[in-house]
Amino acid sequence: QVQLVESGGGLVQAGGSLRLSCAASGGTFSSYVMGWFRQAPGKEREFVASINWSGDNAYYADSVKGRFTVSRDNAQNSVYLQMNSLKPEDTAVYYCAAGPRFSWRIADFRSWGQGTQVTVSS
């Protein structure tokens, strides 16, 4: 079972940028599809982005397309989420997740990090 630790969250003004990182340990990182999800207060957890094993293909939620970019470094056992043009509605706890299938479905991701808070002020 892979262990995941997110970092890079914080408080930013609308229009600003943040880069989230997720460090993996305890598994063969390149064998996992990696995903980012988020959960705002009072809402269900939702898909943000996912990236395939080699990093040459990705899925994005419509709400973040053109603003967020997911990438991975298999040599560093890490996945990243570059978030630009942030909006107040992007405020949420962001979770990193790993799974065996290239997907956007929460159920396809088996291992989860503890989350990192992103707050976007207007």
N, C-alpha and C. Protein backbone atom coordinates (compact mmCIF):
# COMPACT_ATOMS: atom_id res chain seq x y z
N GLN A 1 0.85 -1.19 0.00
CA GLN A 1 0.00 0.00 0.00
C GLN A 1 0.88 1.24 0.00
N VAL A 2 0.65 2.09 -0.94
CA VAL A 2 1.45 3.31 -1.04
C VAL A 2 0.94 4.35 -0.03
N GLN A 3 1.87 5.07 0.56
CA GLN A 3 1.53 6.18 1.46
C GLN A 3 1.75 7.50 0.73
N LEU A 4 0.83 8.44 0.95
CA LEU A 4 0.85 9.70 0.22
C LEU A 4 0.80 10.88 1.19
N VAL A 5 1.63 11.88 0.92
CA VAL A 5 1.67 13.07 1.77
C VAL A 5 1.64 14.30 0.87
N GLU A 6 0.59 15.11 1.03
CA GLU A 6 0.45 16.34 0.25
C GLU A 6 1.12 17.52 0.97
N SER A 7 1.51 18.49 0.17
CA SER A 7 2.03 19.75 0.71
C SER A 7 1.79 20.86 -0.30
N GLY A 8 1.97 22.10 0.15
CA GLY A 8 1.89 23.23 -0.77
C GLY A 8 0.62 24.04 -0.68
N GLY A 9 -0.32 23.62 0.14
CA GLY A 9 -1.55 24.39 0.29
C GLY A 9 -1.30 25.69 1.02
N GLY A 10 -2.32 26.54 1.03
CA GLY A 10 -2.18 27.82 1.73
C GLY A 10 -3.28 28.77 1.36
N LEU A 11 -3.06 30.04 1.73
CA LEU A 11 -4.00 31.10 1.45
C LEU A 11 -3.47 31.94 0.30
N VAL A 12 -4.31 32.19 -0.70
CA VAL A 12 -3.89 32.97 -1.86
C VAL A 12 -5.06 33.84 -2.31
N GLN A 13 -4.75 34.97 -2.91
CA GLN A 13 -5.80 35.84 -3.44
C GLN A 13 -6.32 35.31 -4.77
N ALA A 14 -7.54 35.65 -5.07
CA ALA A 14 -8.11 35.28 -6.37
C ALA A 14 -7.21 35.77 -7.49
N GLY A 15 -7.01 34.91 -8.49
CA GLY A 15 -6.12 35.22 -9.58
C GLY A 15 -4.70 34.73 -9.38
N GLY A 16 -4.40 34.32 -8.16
CA GLY A 16 -3.06 33.85 -7.84
C GLY A 16 -2.84 32.39 -8.20
N SER A 17 -1.67 31.90 -7.82
CA SER A 17 -1.27 30.53 -8.15
C SER A 17 -0.74 29.81 -6.93
N LEU A 18 -0.88 28.49 -6.96
CA LEU A 18 -0.28 27.61 -5.97
C LEU A 18 0.15 26.34 -6.67
N ARG A 19 1.16 25.69 -6.12
CA ARG A 19 1.60 24.40 -6.64
C ARG A 19 1.54 23.40 -5.50
N LEU A 20 0.69 22.40 -5.66
CA LEU A 20 0.60 21.32 -4.69
C LEU A 20 1.55 20.19 -5.08
N SER A 21 2.11 19.55 -4.06
CA SER A 21 2.97 18.40 -4.27
C SER A 21 2.43 17.23 -3.47
N CYS A 22 2.70 16.05 -3.96
CA CYS A 22 2.32 14.82 -3.26
C CYS A 22 3.49 13.85 -3.37
N ALA A 23 4.04 13.47 -2.22
CA ALA A 23 5.16 12.54 -2.17
C ALA A 23 4.63 11.16 -1.81
N ALA A 24 5.07 10.17 -2.57
CA ALA A 24 4.64 8.79 -2.35
C ALA A 24 5.77 7.95 -1.80
N SER A 25 5.40 6.97 -0.97
CA SER A 25 6.38 6.02 -0.44
C SER A 25 5.70 4.69 -0.20
N GLY A 26 6.51 3.66 -0.16
CA GLY A 26 5.99 2.34 0.18
C GLY A 26 5.41 1.55 -0.95
N GLY A 27 5.61 1.99 -2.18
CA GLY A 27 5.09 1.24 -3.31
C GLY A 27 5.89 1.56 -4.55
N THR A 28 5.54 0.94 -5.65
CA THR A 28 6.19 1.24 -6.94
C THR A 28 5.40 2.36 -7.59
N PHE A 29 5.91 3.57 -7.45
CA PHE A 29 5.16 4.76 -7.83
C PHE A 29 4.71 4.71 -9.29
N SER A 30 5.59 4.27 -10.16
CA SER A 30 5.27 4.29 -11.60
C SER A 30 4.17 3.31 -11.98
N SER A 31 3.77 2.44 -11.08
CA SER A 31 2.70 1.48 -11.36
C SER A 31 1.32 2.03 -11.00
N TYR A 32 1.28 3.25 -10.46
CA TYR A 32 0.02 3.85 -10.03
C TYR A 32 -0.39 5.00 -10.93
N VAL A 33 -1.67 5.03 -11.23
CA VAL A 33 -2.27 6.26 -11.74
C VAL A 33 -2.45 7.18 -10.54
N MET A 34 -2.18 8.46 -10.74
CA MET A 34 -2.29 9.42 -9.64
C MET A 34 -3.40 10.42 -9.92
N GLY A 35 -4.08 10.80 -8.87
CA GLY A 35 -5.19 11.74 -9.03
C GLY A 35 -5.20 12.79 -7.96
N TRP A 36 -5.86 13.90 -8.28
CA TRP A 36 -6.13 14.96 -7.31
C TRP A 36 -7.64 15.12 -7.21
N PHE A 37 -8.09 15.22 -5.98
CA PHE A 37 -9.50 15.43 -5.68
C PHE A 37 -9.60 16.58 -4.68
N ARG A 38 -10.78 17.12 -4.51
CA ARG A 38 -10.97 18.18 -3.52
C ARG A 38 -12.33 18.07 -2.88
N GLN A 39 -12.40 18.61 -1.67
CA GLN A 39 -13.66 18.60 -0.94
C GLN A 39 -13.83 19.93 -0.22
N ALA A 40 -14.87 20.64 -0.59
CA ALA A 40 -15.21 21.90 0.04
C ALA A 40 -16.16 21.64 1.21
N PRO A 41 -16.23 22.55 2.17
CA PRO A 41 -17.12 22.35 3.32
C PRO A 41 -18.56 22.13 2.88
N GLY A 42 -19.16 21.08 3.42
CA GLY A 42 -20.55 20.79 3.12
C GLY A 42 -20.80 20.15 1.76
N LYS A 43 -19.72 19.84 1.04
CA LYS A 43 -19.87 19.25 -0.30
C LYS A 43 -19.18 17.91 -0.36
N GLU A 44 -19.55 17.15 -1.38
CA GLU A 44 -18.92 15.85 -1.58
C GLU A 44 -17.53 16.03 -2.21
N ARG A 45 -16.70 15.04 -2.01
CA ARG A 45 -15.38 15.05 -2.63
C ARG A 45 -15.56 14.94 -4.14
N GLU A 46 -14.79 15.73 -4.89
CA GLU A 46 -14.93 15.73 -6.34
C GLU A 46 -13.58 15.61 -7.03
N PHE A 47 -13.64 15.08 -8.23
CA PHE A 47 -12.45 14.89 -9.06
C PHE A 47 -11.92 16.22 -9.55
N VAL A 48 -10.59 16.35 -9.57
CA VAL A 48 -9.92 17.53 -10.12
C VAL A 48 -9.11 17.16 -11.36
N ALA A 49 -8.19 16.20 -11.20
CA ALA A 49 -7.32 15.82 -12.31
C ALA A 49 -6.71 14.46 -12.01
N SER A 50 -6.33 13.75 -13.06
CA SER A 50 -5.59 12.51 -12.90
C SER A 50 -4.57 12.40 -14.03
N ILE A 51 -3.53 11.63 -13.78
CA ILE A 51 -2.46 11.48 -14.74
C ILE A 51 -2.07 10.01 -14.83
N ASN A 52 -1.77 9.56 -16.04
CA ASN A 52 -1.49 8.14 -16.22
C ASN A 52 -0.08 7.77 -15.74
N TRP A 53 0.28 6.53 -15.89
CA TRP A 53 1.51 6.00 -15.30
C TRP A 53 2.76 6.71 -15.82
N SER A 54 2.79 7.01 -17.10
CA SER A 54 3.99 7.61 -17.69
C SER A 54 3.96 9.13 -17.68
N GLY A 55 2.80 9.69 -17.40
CA GLY A 55 2.67 11.14 -17.35
C GLY A 55 2.37 11.80 -18.67
N ASP A 56 2.01 11.02 -19.69
CA ASP A 56 1.77 11.62 -21.00
C ASP A 56 0.29 11.76 -21.34
N ASN A 57 -0.55 11.49 -20.36
CA ASN A 57 -1.99 11.67 -20.59
C ASN A 57 -2.64 12.06 -19.26
N ALA A 58 -3.64 12.89 -19.33
CA ALA A 58 -4.30 13.38 -18.12
C ALA A 58 -5.77 13.66 -18.38
N TYR A 59 -6.54 13.56 -17.33
CA TYR A 59 -7.94 13.98 -17.34
C TYR A 59 -8.06 15.21 -16.43
N TYR A 60 -8.99 16.09 -16.78
CA TYR A 60 -9.28 17.25 -15.95
C TYR A 60 -10.77 17.44 -15.80
N ALA A 61 -11.17 17.91 -14.63
CA ALA A 61 -12.55 18.34 -14.45
C ALA A 61 -12.78 19.60 -15.30
N ASP A 62 -13.98 19.75 -15.81
CA ASP A 62 -14.29 20.91 -16.65
C ASP A 62 -14.03 22.22 -15.90
N SER A 63 -14.25 22.21 -14.60
CA SER A 63 -14.12 23.43 -13.80
C SER A 63 -12.68 23.92 -13.68
N VAL A 64 -11.71 23.06 -13.98
CA VAL A 64 -10.31 23.47 -13.82
C VAL A 64 -9.53 23.43 -15.13
N LYS A 65 -10.14 22.97 -16.19
CA LYS A 65 -9.45 22.89 -17.49
C LYS A 65 -8.93 24.26 -17.91
N GLY A 66 -7.68 24.28 -18.35
CA GLY A 66 -7.07 25.52 -18.79
C GLY A 66 -6.45 26.32 -17.65
N ARG A 67 -6.73 25.96 -16.40
CA ARG A 67 -6.17 26.68 -15.24
C ARG A 67 -5.22 25.78 -14.44
N PHE A 68 -5.53 24.51 -14.33
CA PHE A 68 -4.74 23.57 -13.53
C PHE A 68 -3.97 22.64 -14.46
N THR A 69 -2.79 22.22 -14.01
CA THR A 69 -1.98 21.26 -14.75
C THR A 69 -1.43 20.22 -13.78
N VAL A 70 -1.68 18.96 -14.09
CA VAL A 70 -1.14 17.87 -13.29
C VAL A 70 0.10 17.32 -13.98
N SER A 71 1.11 16.97 -13.17
CA SER A 71 2.34 16.39 -13.72
C SER A 71 2.90 15.42 -12.68
N ARG A 72 3.83 14.60 -13.12
CA ARG A 72 4.45 13.66 -12.20
C ARG A 72 5.92 13.48 -12.53
N ASP A 73 6.68 13.08 -11.52
CA ASP A 73 8.10 12.78 -11.67
C ASP A 73 8.31 11.41 -11.05
N ASN A 74 8.38 10.39 -11.88
CA ASN A 74 8.50 9.03 -11.35
C ASN A 74 9.84 8.79 -10.66
N ALA A 75 10.85 9.52 -11.05
CA ALA A 75 12.15 9.38 -10.39
C ALA A 75 12.12 9.94 -8.97
N GLN A 76 11.23 10.92 -8.75
CA GLN A 76 11.09 11.54 -7.43
C GLN A 76 9.88 11.02 -6.66
N ASN A 77 9.17 10.05 -7.25
CA ASN A 77 7.97 9.50 -6.60
C ASN A 77 6.99 10.60 -6.18
N SER A 78 6.78 11.53 -7.09
CA SER A 78 5.95 12.69 -6.75
C SER A 78 5.00 13.05 -7.88
N VAL A 79 3.88 13.62 -7.48
CA VAL A 79 2.92 14.16 -8.42
C VAL A 79 2.61 15.60 -7.98
N TYR A 80 2.31 16.44 -8.96
CA TYR A 80 2.13 17.87 -8.70
C TYR A 80 0.83 18.36 -9.31
N LEU A 81 0.31 19.44 -8.73
CA LEU A 81 -0.84 20.12 -9.30
C LEU A 81 -0.54 21.61 -9.31
N GLN A 82 -0.29 22.13 -10.50
CA GLN A 82 -0.07 23.56 -10.67
C GLN A 82 -1.43 24.22 -10.86
N MET A 83 -1.75 25.15 -9.99
CA MET A 83 -3.06 25.80 -10.02
C MET A 83 -2.87 27.29 -10.29
N ASN A 84 -3.37 27.74 -11.43
CA ASN A 84 -3.28 29.14 -11.82
C ASN A 84 -4.67 29.77 -11.89
N SER A 85 -4.71 31.08 -11.91
CA SER A 85 -5.98 31.81 -12.01
C SER A 85 -7.00 31.29 -11.00
N LEU A 86 -6.56 31.17 -9.77
CA LEU A 86 -7.42 30.59 -8.74
C LEU A 86 -8.63 31.46 -8.46
N LYS A 87 -9.72 30.79 -8.13
CA LYS A 87 -10.99 31.43 -7.84
C LYS A 87 -11.44 31.07 -6.44
N PRO A 88 -12.27 31.90 -5.82
CA PRO A 88 -12.76 31.54 -4.47
C PRO A 88 -13.44 30.18 -4.43
N GLU A 89 -14.07 29.79 -5.52
CA GLU A 89 -14.74 28.48 -5.55
C GLU A 89 -13.77 27.31 -5.62
N ASP A 90 -12.48 27.58 -5.77
CA ASP A 90 -11.47 26.52 -5.70
C ASP A 90 -11.10 26.20 -4.25
N THR A 91 -11.60 26.96 -3.30
CA THR A 91 -11.31 26.72 -1.90
C THR A 91 -11.81 25.34 -1.47
N ALA A 92 -10.91 24.54 -0.93
CA ALA A 92 -11.24 23.16 -0.54
C ALA A 92 -10.01 22.52 0.09
N VAL A 93 -10.23 21.35 0.66
CA VAL A 93 -9.11 20.48 1.01
C VAL A 93 -8.81 19.63 -0.22
N TYR A 94 -7.55 19.64 -0.62
CA TYR A 94 -7.12 18.91 -1.82
C TYR A 94 -6.42 17.62 -1.39
N TYR A 95 -6.84 16.53 -2.02
CA TYR A 95 -6.32 15.21 -1.70
C TYR A 95 -5.60 14.61 -2.91
N CYS A 96 -4.51 13.96 -2.62
CA CYS A 96 -3.78 13.16 -3.60
C CYS A 96 -4.23 11.71 -3.44
N ALA A 97 -4.33 10.98 -4.54
CA ALA A 97 -4.78 9.60 -4.48
C ALA A 97 -4.07 8.76 -5.53
N ALA A 98 -3.99 7.46 -5.26
CA ALA A 98 -3.33 6.53 -6.17
C ALA A 98 -4.25 5.36 -6.47
N GLY A 99 -4.18 4.86 -7.69
CA GLY A 99 -5.00 3.73 -8.06
C GLY A 99 -4.44 2.99 -9.24
N PRO A 100 -5.05 1.86 -9.59
CA PRO A 100 -4.52 1.02 -10.66
C PRO A 100 -5.06 1.35 -12.06
N ARG A 101 -6.10 2.18 -12.11
CA ARG A 101 -6.80 2.41 -13.37
C ARG A 101 -6.79 3.89 -13.74
N PHE A 102 -6.53 4.19 -15.02
CA PHE A 102 -6.55 5.57 -15.49
C PHE A 102 -8.00 6.02 -15.59
N SER A 103 -8.39 6.86 -14.64
CA SER A 103 -9.81 7.13 -14.43
C SER A 103 -10.00 8.48 -13.76
N TRP A 104 -11.25 8.92 -13.71
CA TRP A 104 -11.61 10.09 -12.93
C TRP A 104 -12.56 9.72 -11.79
N ARG A 105 -12.84 8.44 -11.66
CA ARG A 105 -13.81 7.98 -10.66
C ARG A 105 -13.15 7.80 -9.30
N ILE A 106 -13.77 8.34 -8.28
CA ILE A 106 -13.23 8.22 -6.93
C ILE A 106 -13.02 6.76 -6.54
N ALA A 107 -13.95 5.90 -6.93
CA ALA A 107 -13.89 4.50 -6.53
C ALA A 107 -12.67 3.77 -7.10
N ASP A 108 -12.06 4.30 -8.14
CA ASP A 108 -10.89 3.66 -8.75
C ASP A 108 -9.59 3.99 -8.03
N PHE A 109 -9.64 4.88 -7.05
CA PHE A 109 -8.44 5.28 -6.33
C PHE A 109 -8.48 4.66 -4.93
N ARG A 110 -7.42 3.92 -4.60
CA ARG A 110 -7.44 3.08 -3.41
C ARG A 110 -6.67 3.68 -2.23
N SER A 111 -5.66 4.48 -2.51
CA SER A 111 -4.83 5.06 -1.44
C SER A 111 -4.98 6.56 -1.47
N TRP A 112 -5.07 7.16 -0.29
CA TRP A 112 -5.35 8.59 -0.17
C TRP A 112 -4.40 9.25 0.82
N GLY A 113 -4.05 10.49 0.53
CA GLY A 113 -3.30 11.30 1.47
C GLY A 113 -4.24 11.94 2.48
N GLN A 114 -3.66 12.74 3.37
CA GLN A 114 -4.45 13.35 4.45
C GLN A 114 -5.06 14.68 4.02
N GLY A 115 -4.61 15.22 2.91
CA GLY A 115 -5.19 16.45 2.38
C GLY A 115 -4.41 17.68 2.77
N THR A 116 -4.53 18.72 1.94
CA THR A 116 -3.92 20.01 2.24
C THR A 116 -4.94 21.10 1.91
N GLN A 117 -5.04 22.09 2.77
CA GLN A 117 -6.06 23.12 2.63
C GLN A 117 -5.62 24.19 1.64
N VAL A 118 -6.50 24.51 0.71
CA VAL A 118 -6.30 25.63 -0.21
C VAL A 118 -7.45 26.61 0.02
N THR A 119 -7.10 27.84 0.32
CA THR A 119 -8.10 28.88 0.54
C THR A 119 -7.82 30.04 -0.41
N VAL A 120 -8.82 30.39 -1.20
CA VAL A 120 -8.69 31.49 -2.16
C VAL A 120 -9.60 32.63 -1.71
N SER A 121 -9.01 33.76 -1.42
CA SER A 121 -9.79 34.91 -0.96
C SER A 121 -10.16 35.80 -2.13
N SER A 122 -11.31 36.43 -2.00
CA SER A 122 -11.80 37.29 -3.09
C SER A 122 -11.33 38.73 -2.93
